[in-house]
Amino acid sequence: MSLITLTDPRSPASEAYRTLRTNLSFYSLDNPIRTLVVTSPSANEGKSTTVANLAVTMAQSGRRTILVDCDLRRPSLHDLFGATAEPGFTNLVLNEIESPPLQATQVENLWLLPSGPKPPNPADMLGSKRLDQILEQLTAKADIVLFDAPPAVAVTDAAILGAKVDGVLLVLKAGTTRRDQAERAKELLEKAKVRIVGVTLTNAPRDGHVEGYYG
């Protein structure tokens, strides 16, 4: 995983993340997306990298952005941003602390809410009534809140969380994601009444003409 939007902001990949940010901003002008879950059908498809770089571009555009690590089974965002994993989201759900323990990042306007200790029952935590209160706390502090969730086919976490937010972005990996897995993820999310706002592709072949333009 890498924060290419920071290490190489003029790269084609960074431009692609900015395009994704723009597309999401224009998705619904009457009801703008304030809370967004990012997931994938299976593991290792780039969802955490995608949500982290998307969060950076959101913050760089001047929007107060909170990035929440809700992949409570395999949290990774604290490592990516050089932060600590605890205290975090699970401490908040368990009422061990009252306010979200947001950590400042190296990016202006971007804060991280890490996962906290790994719980034995992630799906139950995400489905609790306490989560509704946490969502209110976070949206009061930010213009947009992005959530990294586990793969949608493997566990129910993404569907449970997705039903409580404005939308879900599904990440697919070119050459890796199987069509049946992608269709299964879509089916599971729609069954949970989740609003899928889009699909984005990682590991796509580079376009030499575009790379030359942005190089």
C-alpha atoms as a PDB file:
ATOM      1  CA  MET A   1       0.000   0.000   0.000  1.00  0.00           C
ATOM      2  CA  SER A   2       1.185   3.522  -0.681  1.00  0.00           C
ATOM      3  CA  LEU A   3      -0.051   7.092  -0.509  1.00  0.00           C
ATOM      4  CA  ILE A   4       0.860   7.935  -4.083  1.00  0.00           C
ATOM      5  CA  THR A   5      -1.251  11.099  -3.903  1.00  0.00           C
ATOM      6  CA  LEU A   6       1.404  12.368  -1.465  1.00  0.00           C
ATOM      7  CA  THR A   7       4.575  10.774  -2.800  1.00  0.00           C
ATOM      8  CA  ASP A   8       3.880  11.433  -6.493  1.00  0.00           C
ATOM      9  CA  PRO A   9       0.971  13.898  -6.836  1.00  0.00           C
ATOM     10  CA  ARG A  10       1.579  14.484 -10.564  1.00  0.00           C
ATOM     11  CA  SER A  11       1.391  10.798 -11.505  1.00  0.00           C
ATOM     12  CA  PRO A  12      -1.441   9.316 -13.600  1.00  0.00           C
ATOM     13  CA  ALA A  13      -2.544   7.314 -10.569  1.00  0.00           C
ATOM     14  CA  SER A  14      -2.882  10.468  -8.463  1.00  0.00           C
ATOM     15  CA  GLU A  15      -4.869  12.112 -11.223  1.00  0.00           C
ATOM     16  CA  ALA A  16      -7.131   9.056 -11.317  1.00  0.00           C
ATOM     17  CA  TYR A  17      -7.873   9.464  -7.597  1.00  0.00           C
ATOM     18  CA  ARG A  18      -8.698  13.139  -8.154  1.00  0.00           C
ATOM     19  CA  THR A  19     -11.032  12.144 -10.977  1.00  0.00           C
ATOM     20  CA  LEU A  20     -12.716   9.657  -8.646  1.00  0.00           C
ATOM     21  CA  ARG A  21     -13.112  12.426  -6.052  1.00  0.00           C
ATOM     22  CA  THR A  22     -14.718  14.685  -8.658  1.00  0.00           C
ATOM     23  CA  ASN A  23     -17.081  11.973  -9.865  1.00  0.00           C
ATOM     24  CA  LEU A  24     -18.234  11.274  -6.312  1.00  0.00           C
ATOM     25  CA  SER A  25     -18.719  14.995  -5.682  1.00  0.00           C
ATOM     26  CA  PHE A  26     -21.028  15.251  -8.680  1.00  0.00           C
ATOM     27  CA  TYR A  27     -22.819  11.951  -8.031  1.00  0.00           C
ATOM     28  CA  SER A  28     -25.789  13.640  -6.387  1.00  0.00           C
ATOM     29  CA  LEU A  29     -25.724  17.429  -6.202  1.00  0.00           C
ATOM     30  CA  ASP A  30     -29.081  17.604  -4.388  1.00  0.00           C
ATOM     31  CA  ASN A  31     -28.019  15.040  -1.763  1.00  0.00           C
ATOM     32  CA  PRO A  32     -24.221  15.149  -1.547  1.00  0.00           C
ATOM     33  CA  ILE A  33     -22.413  12.147  -0.117  1.00  0.00           C
ATOM     34  CA  ARG A  34     -21.326  12.847   3.468  1.00  0.00           C
ATOM     35  CA  THR A  35     -20.568   9.272   4.542  1.00  0.00           C
ATOM     36  CA  LEU A  36     -19.050   6.649   2.245  1.00  0.00           C
ATOM     37  CA  VAL A  37     -17.968   3.042   2.758  1.00  0.00           C
ATOM     38  CA  VAL A  38     -15.242   1.609   0.532  1.00  0.00           C
ATOM     39  CA  THR A  39     -15.110  -2.178   0.163  1.00  0.00           C
ATOM     40  CA  SER A  40     -14.228  -4.893  -2.329  1.00  0.00           C
ATOM     41  CA  PRO A  41     -15.536  -8.377  -3.146  1.00  0.00           C
ATOM     42  CA  SER A  42     -12.441 -10.178  -1.797  1.00  0.00           C
ATOM     43  CA  ALA A  43      -9.161  -9.468  -0.030  1.00  0.00           C
ATOM     44  CA  ASN A  44      -6.121  -7.882  -1.680  1.00  0.00           C
ATOM     45  CA  GLU A  45      -8.031  -5.874  -4.276  1.00  0.00           C
ATOM     46  CA  GLY A  46      -6.806  -2.442  -3.181  1.00  0.00           C
ATOM     47  CA  LYS A  47      -9.717  -1.094  -1.141  1.00  0.00           C
ATOM     48  CA  SER A  48      -7.585   0.276   1.719  1.00  0.00           C
ATOM     49  CA  THR A  49      -5.154   1.959  -0.667  1.00  0.00           C
ATOM     50  CA  THR A  50      -8.086   3.400  -2.587  1.00  0.00           C
ATOM     51  CA  VAL A  51      -9.917   4.827   0.415  1.00  0.00           C
ATOM     52  CA  ALA A  52      -6.690   6.274   1.870  1.00  0.00           C
ATOM     53  CA  ASN A  53      -5.695   8.045  -1.347  1.00  0.00           C
ATOM     54  CA  LEU A  54      -9.260   9.189  -1.915  1.00  0.00           C
ATOM     55  CA  ALA A  55      -9.261  10.679   1.583  1.00  0.00           C
ATOM     56  CA  VAL A  56      -6.035  12.548   0.813  1.00  0.00           C
ATOM     57  CA  THR A  57      -7.495  14.076  -2.353  1.00  0.00           C
ATOM     58  CA  MET A  58     -10.692  15.026  -0.516  1.00  0.00           C
ATOM     59  CA  ALA A  59      -8.647  16.822   2.132  1.00  0.00           C
ATOM     60  CA  GLN A  60      -6.422  18.483  -0.464  1.00  0.00           C
ATOM     61  CA  SER A  61      -9.544  19.981  -2.067  1.00  0.00           C
ATOM     62  CA  GLY A  62     -10.271  21.774   1.210  1.00  0.00           C
ATOM     63  CA  ARG A  63     -12.900  19.424   2.611  1.00  0.00           C
ATOM     64  CA  ARG A  64     -12.629  18.459   6.261  1.00  0.00           C
ATOM     65  CA  THR A  65     -12.184  14.710   5.944  1.00  0.00           C
ATOM     66  CA  ILE A  66     -12.262  11.903   8.506  1.00  0.00           C
ATOM     67  CA  LEU A  67     -10.972   8.468   7.530  1.00  0.00           C
ATOM     68  CA  VAL A  68     -12.242   5.598   9.690  1.00  0.00           C
ATOM     69  CA  ASP A  69     -10.663   2.144   9.800  1.00  0.00           C
ATOM     70  CA  CYS A  70     -13.661  -0.177  10.117  1.00  0.00           C
ATOM     71  CA  ASP A  71     -11.812  -3.201   8.819  1.00  0.00           C
ATOM     72  CA  LEU A  72     -11.757  -4.481  12.363  1.00  0.00           C
ATOM     73  CA  ARG A  73     -10.436  -7.879  11.274  1.00  0.00           C
ATOM     74  CA  ARG A  74      -7.360  -6.676   9.354  1.00  0.00           C
ATOM     75  CA  PRO A  75      -6.840  -2.978  10.179  1.00  0.00           C
ATOM     76  CA  SER A  76      -4.062  -1.303   8.211  1.00  0.00           C
ATOM     77  CA  LEU A  77      -4.686   2.437   7.898  1.00  0.00           C
ATOM     78  CA  HIS A  78      -2.743   3.318  11.058  1.00  0.00           C
ATOM     79  CA  ASP A  79       0.367   1.740   9.527  1.00  0.00           C
ATOM     80  CA  LEU A  80      -0.146   3.583   6.263  1.00  0.00           C
ATOM     81  CA  PHE A  81      -0.313   6.959   8.009  1.00  0.00           C
ATOM     82  CA  GLY A  82       2.301   6.196  10.658  1.00  0.00           C
ATOM     83  CA  ALA A  83      -0.290   6.411  13.429  1.00  0.00           C
ATOM     84  CA  THR A  84      -1.210   4.245  16.421  1.00  0.00           C
ATOM     85  CA  ALA A  85      -4.018   1.685  16.285  1.00  0.00           C
ATOM     86  CA  GLU A  86      -5.352   2.473  19.755  1.00  0.00           C
ATOM     87  CA  PRO A  87      -7.435   4.073  21.073  1.00  0.00           C
ATOM     88  CA  GLY A  88      -9.833   3.917  18.174  1.00  0.00           C
ATOM     89  CA  PHE A  89     -13.209   2.989  16.775  1.00  0.00           C
ATOM     90  CA  THR A  90     -13.870  -0.055  18.961  1.00  0.00           C
ATOM     91  CA  ASN A  91     -13.132   1.904  22.143  1.00  0.00           C
ATOM     92  CA  LEU A  92     -15.739   4.400  21.009  1.00  0.00           C
ATOM     93  CA  VAL A  93     -18.371   1.735  20.297  1.00  0.00           C
ATOM     94  CA  LEU A  94     -17.792   0.165  23.710  1.00  0.00           C
ATOM     95  CA  ASN A  95     -18.308   3.564  25.391  1.00  0.00           C
ATOM     96  CA  GLU A  96     -14.812   3.425  26.876  1.00  0.00           C
ATOM     97  CA  ILE A  97     -14.351   6.970  25.572  1.00  0.00           C
ATOM     98  CA  GLU A  98     -16.897   9.635  24.687  1.00  0.00           C
ATOM     99  CA  SER A  99     -15.283  11.566  21.834  1.00  0.00           C
ATOM    100  CA  PRO A 100     -13.770  10.089  18.665  1.00  0.00           C
ATOM    101  CA  PRO A 101      -9.992   9.779  19.256  1.00  0.00           C
ATOM    102  CA  LEU A 102      -9.069  11.407  15.957  1.00  0.00           C
ATOM    103  CA  GLN A 103      -5.412  11.530  15.015  1.00  0.00           C
ATOM    104  CA  ALA A 104      -4.035  14.311  12.858  1.00  0.00           C
ATOM    105  CA  THR A 105      -2.218  13.156   9.710  1.00  0.00           C
ATOM    106  CA  GLN A 106       0.507  14.694   7.580  1.00  0.00           C
ATOM    107  CA  VAL A 107      -2.285  16.038   5.349  1.00  0.00           C
ATOM    108  CA  GLU A 108      -4.081  19.258   6.247  1.00  0.00           C
ATOM    109  CA  ASN A 109      -7.844  18.740   6.736  1.00  0.00           C
ATOM    110  CA  LEU A 110      -7.456  14.953   7.156  1.00  0.00           C
ATOM    111  CA  TRP A 111      -7.901  13.063  10.423  1.00  0.00           C
ATOM    112  CA  LEU A 112      -7.723   9.329  11.058  1.00  0.00           C
ATOM    113  CA  LEU A 113      -9.924   7.336  13.404  1.00  0.00           C
ATOM    114  CA  PRO A 114      -7.997   4.062  13.738  1.00  0.00           C
ATOM    115  CA  SER A 115      -9.595   0.703  14.415  1.00  0.00           C
ATOM    116  CA  GLY A 116      -8.773   0.313  18.075  1.00  0.00           C
ATOM    117  CA  PRO A 117      -8.402  -3.172  19.643  1.00  0.00           C
ATOM    118  CA  LYS A 118      -9.609  -6.083  17.512  1.00  0.00           C
ATOM    119  CA  PRO A 119     -13.031  -7.227  18.782  1.00  0.00           C
ATOM    120  CA  PRO A 120     -14.321 -10.823  18.802  1.00  0.00           C
ATOM    121  CA  ASN A 121     -17.561  -9.752  17.090  1.00  0.00           C
ATOM    122  CA  PRO A 122     -16.954  -7.026  14.462  1.00  0.00           C
ATOM    123  CA  ALA A 123     -20.329  -7.428  12.717  1.00  0.00           C
ATOM    124  CA  ASP A 124     -22.235  -6.996  15.999  1.00  0.00           C
ATOM    125  CA  MET A 125     -20.277  -3.839  16.772  1.00  0.00           C
ATOM    126  CA  LEU A 126     -21.051  -2.324  13.387  1.00  0.00           C
ATOM    127  CA  GLY A 127     -24.741  -3.145  13.759  1.00  0.00           C
ATOM    128  CA  SER A 128     -25.101  -1.614  17.208  1.00  0.00           C
ATOM    129  CA  LYS A 129     -27.237   1.431  17.948  1.00  0.00           C
ATOM    130  CA  ARG A 130     -24.122   3.147  19.281  1.00  0.00           C
ATOM    131  CA  LEU A 131     -22.877   3.393  15.703  1.00  0.00           C
ATOM    132  CA  ASP A 132     -25.686   5.792  14.814  1.00  0.00           C
ATOM    133  CA  GLN A 133     -24.488   8.159  17.542  1.00  0.00           C
ATOM    134  CA  ILE A 134     -20.891   7.830  16.340  1.00  0.00           C
ATOM    135  CA  LEU A 135     -21.941   8.705  12.789  1.00  0.00           C
ATOM    136  CA  GLU A 136     -23.597  11.861  14.113  1.00  0.00           C
ATOM    137  CA  GLN A 137     -20.441  12.790  16.029  1.00  0.00           C
ATOM    138  CA  LEU A 138     -18.223  12.290  12.994  1.00  0.00           C
ATOM    139  CA  THR A 139     -20.415  14.120  10.486  1.00  0.00           C
ATOM    140  CA  ALA A 140     -20.607  17.059  12.890  1.00  0.00           C
ATOM    141  CA  LYS A 141     -16.817  17.351  12.722  1.00  0.00           C
ATOM    142  CA  ALA A 142     -16.248  16.814   8.986  1.00  0.00           C
ATOM    143  CA  ASP A 143     -17.531  17.531   5.504  1.00  0.00           C
ATOM    144  CA  ILE A 144     -17.085  13.886   4.520  1.00  0.00           C
ATOM    145  CA  VAL A 145     -16.398  10.670   6.428  1.00  0.00           C
ATOM    146  CA  LEU A 146     -14.823   7.708   4.624  1.00  0.00           C
ATOM    147  CA  PHE A 147     -14.888   4.164   6.012  1.00  0.00           C
ATOM    148  CA  ASP A 148     -12.605   1.282   5.106  1.00  0.00           C
ATOM    149  CA  ALA A 149     -14.658  -1.927   5.451  1.00  0.00           C
ATOM    150  CA  PRO A 150     -13.766  -5.628   5.068  1.00  0.00           C
ATOM    151  CA  PRO A 151     -14.452  -7.472   1.783  1.00  0.00           C
ATOM    152  CA  ALA A 152     -18.176  -7.764   1.120  1.00  0.00           C
ATOM    153  CA  VAL A 153     -18.278 -11.443   0.126  1.00  0.00           C
ATOM    154  CA  ALA A 154     -16.146 -12.763   2.979  1.00  0.00           C
ATOM    155  CA  VAL A 155     -18.093 -11.222   5.893  1.00  0.00           C
ATOM    156  CA  THR A 156     -21.246  -9.151   6.483  1.00  0.00           C
ATOM    157  CA  ASP A 157     -19.479  -6.095   7.969  1.00  0.00           C
ATOM    158  CA  ALA A 158     -19.535  -3.973   4.793  1.00  0.00           C
ATOM    159  CA  ALA A 159     -23.234  -4.605   4.175  1.00  0.00           C
ATOM    160  CA  ILE A 160     -24.167  -3.793   7.783  1.00  0.00           C
ATOM    161  CA  LEU A 161     -22.141  -0.587   7.797  1.00  0.00           C
ATOM    162  CA  GLY A 162     -23.146   0.308   4.239  1.00  0.00           C
ATOM    163  CA  ALA A 163     -26.812   0.310   5.172  1.00  0.00           C
ATOM    164  CA  LYS A 164     -26.150   3.130   7.663  1.00  0.00           C
ATOM    165  CA  VAL A 165     -24.249   5.517   5.349  1.00  0.00           C
ATOM    166  CA  ASP A 166     -24.957   7.534   2.214  1.00  0.00           C
ATOM    167  CA  GLY A 167     -23.292   5.104  -0.172  1.00  0.00           C
ATOM    168  CA  VAL A 168     -20.784   2.358  -0.895  1.00  0.00           C
ATOM    169  CA  LEU A 169     -17.931   2.368  -3.392  1.00  0.00           C
ATOM    170  CA  LEU A 170     -16.926  -1.063  -4.662  1.00  0.00           C
ATOM    171  CA  VAL A 171     -13.261  -1.621  -5.563  1.00  0.00           C
ATOM    172  CA  LEU A 172     -12.338  -4.238  -8.188  1.00  0.00           C
ATOM    173  CA  LYS A 173      -8.819  -5.242  -9.224  1.00  0.00           C
ATOM    174  CA  ALA A 174      -8.098  -5.687 -12.919  1.00  0.00           C
ATOM    175  CA  GLY A 175      -6.885  -9.190 -13.708  1.00  0.00           C
ATOM    176  CA  THR A 176      -7.711 -10.452 -10.217  1.00  0.00           C
ATOM    177  CA  THR A 177     -11.365  -9.916  -9.311  1.00  0.00           C
ATOM    178  CA  ARG A 178     -13.511 -12.740 -10.635  1.00  0.00           C
ATOM    179  CA  ARG A 179     -16.771 -11.777 -12.327  1.00  0.00           C
ATOM    180  CA  ASP A 180     -18.801 -14.094 -10.093  1.00  0.00           C
ATOM    181  CA  GLN A 181     -17.252 -12.539  -6.973  1.00  0.00           C
ATOM    182  CA  ALA A 182     -18.054  -9.037  -8.184  1.00  0.00           C
ATOM    183  CA  GLU A 183     -21.635 -10.006  -8.962  1.00  0.00           C
ATOM    184  CA  ARG A 184     -21.959 -11.741  -5.592  1.00  0.00           C
ATOM    185  CA  ALA A 185     -20.709  -8.625  -3.779  1.00  0.00           C
ATOM    186  CA  LYS A 186     -23.212  -6.451  -5.651  1.00  0.00           C
ATOM    187  CA  GLU A 187     -26.004  -8.880  -4.830  1.00  0.00           C
ATOM    188  CA  LEU A 188     -25.160  -9.003  -1.127  1.00  0.00           C
ATOM    189  CA  LEU A 189     -24.926  -5.233  -0.825  1.00  0.00           C
ATOM    190  CA  GLU A 190     -28.178  -4.616  -2.690  1.00  0.00           C
ATOM    191  CA  LYS A 191     -29.943  -7.216  -0.556  1.00  0.00           C
ATOM    192  CA  ALA A 192     -28.923  -5.187   2.499  1.00  0.00           C
ATOM    193  CA  LYS A 193     -30.504  -2.073   0.909  1.00  0.00           C
ATOM    194  CA  VAL A 194     -27.102  -0.510   0.364  1.00  0.00           C
ATOM    195  CA  ARG A 195     -26.743   2.334  -2.124  1.00  0.00           C
ATOM    196  CA  ILE A 196     -23.858   1.456  -4.429  1.00  0.00           C
ATOM    197  CA  VAL A 197     -22.634   4.789  -5.787  1.00  0.00           C
ATOM    198  CA  GLY A 198     -19.976   3.401  -8.088  1.00  0.00           C
ATOM    199  CA  VAL A 199     -17.266   0.912  -8.926  1.00  0.00           C
ATOM    200  CA  THR A 200     -13.592   1.746  -9.328  1.00  0.00           C
ATOM    201  CA  LEU A 201     -10.848  -0.363 -10.891  1.00  0.00           C
ATOM    202  CA  THR A 202      -7.355  -0.789  -9.469  1.00  0.00           C
ATOM    203  CA  ASN A 203      -4.304  -2.246 -11.223  1.00  0.00           C
ATOM    204  CA  ALA A 204      -5.594  -1.052 -14.603  1.00  0.00           C
ATOM    205  CA  PRO A 205      -3.076  -1.012 -17.498  1.00  0.00           C
ATOM    206  CA  ARG A 206      -1.361   2.344 -17.909  1.00  0.00           C
ATOM    207  CA  ASP A 207      -2.142   4.492 -20.919  1.00  0.00           C
ATOM    208  CA  GLY A 208       1.152   5.714 -22.371  1.00  0.00           C
ATOM    209  CA  HIS A 209      -0.432   8.820 -23.889  1.00  0.00           C
ATOM    210  CA  VAL A 210      -1.973   9.847 -20.578  1.00  0.00           C
ATOM    211  CA  GLU A 211       1.244   9.115 -18.694  1.00  0.00           C
ATOM    212  CA  GLY A 212       3.169  11.341 -21.054  1.00  0.00           C
ATOM    213  CA  TYR A 213       0.692  14.156 -20.563  1.00  0.00           C
ATOM    214  CA  TYR A 214       0.863  14.055 -16.752  1.00  0.00           C
ATOM    215  CA  GLY A 215       4.539  13.191 -16.470  1.00  0.00           C
END
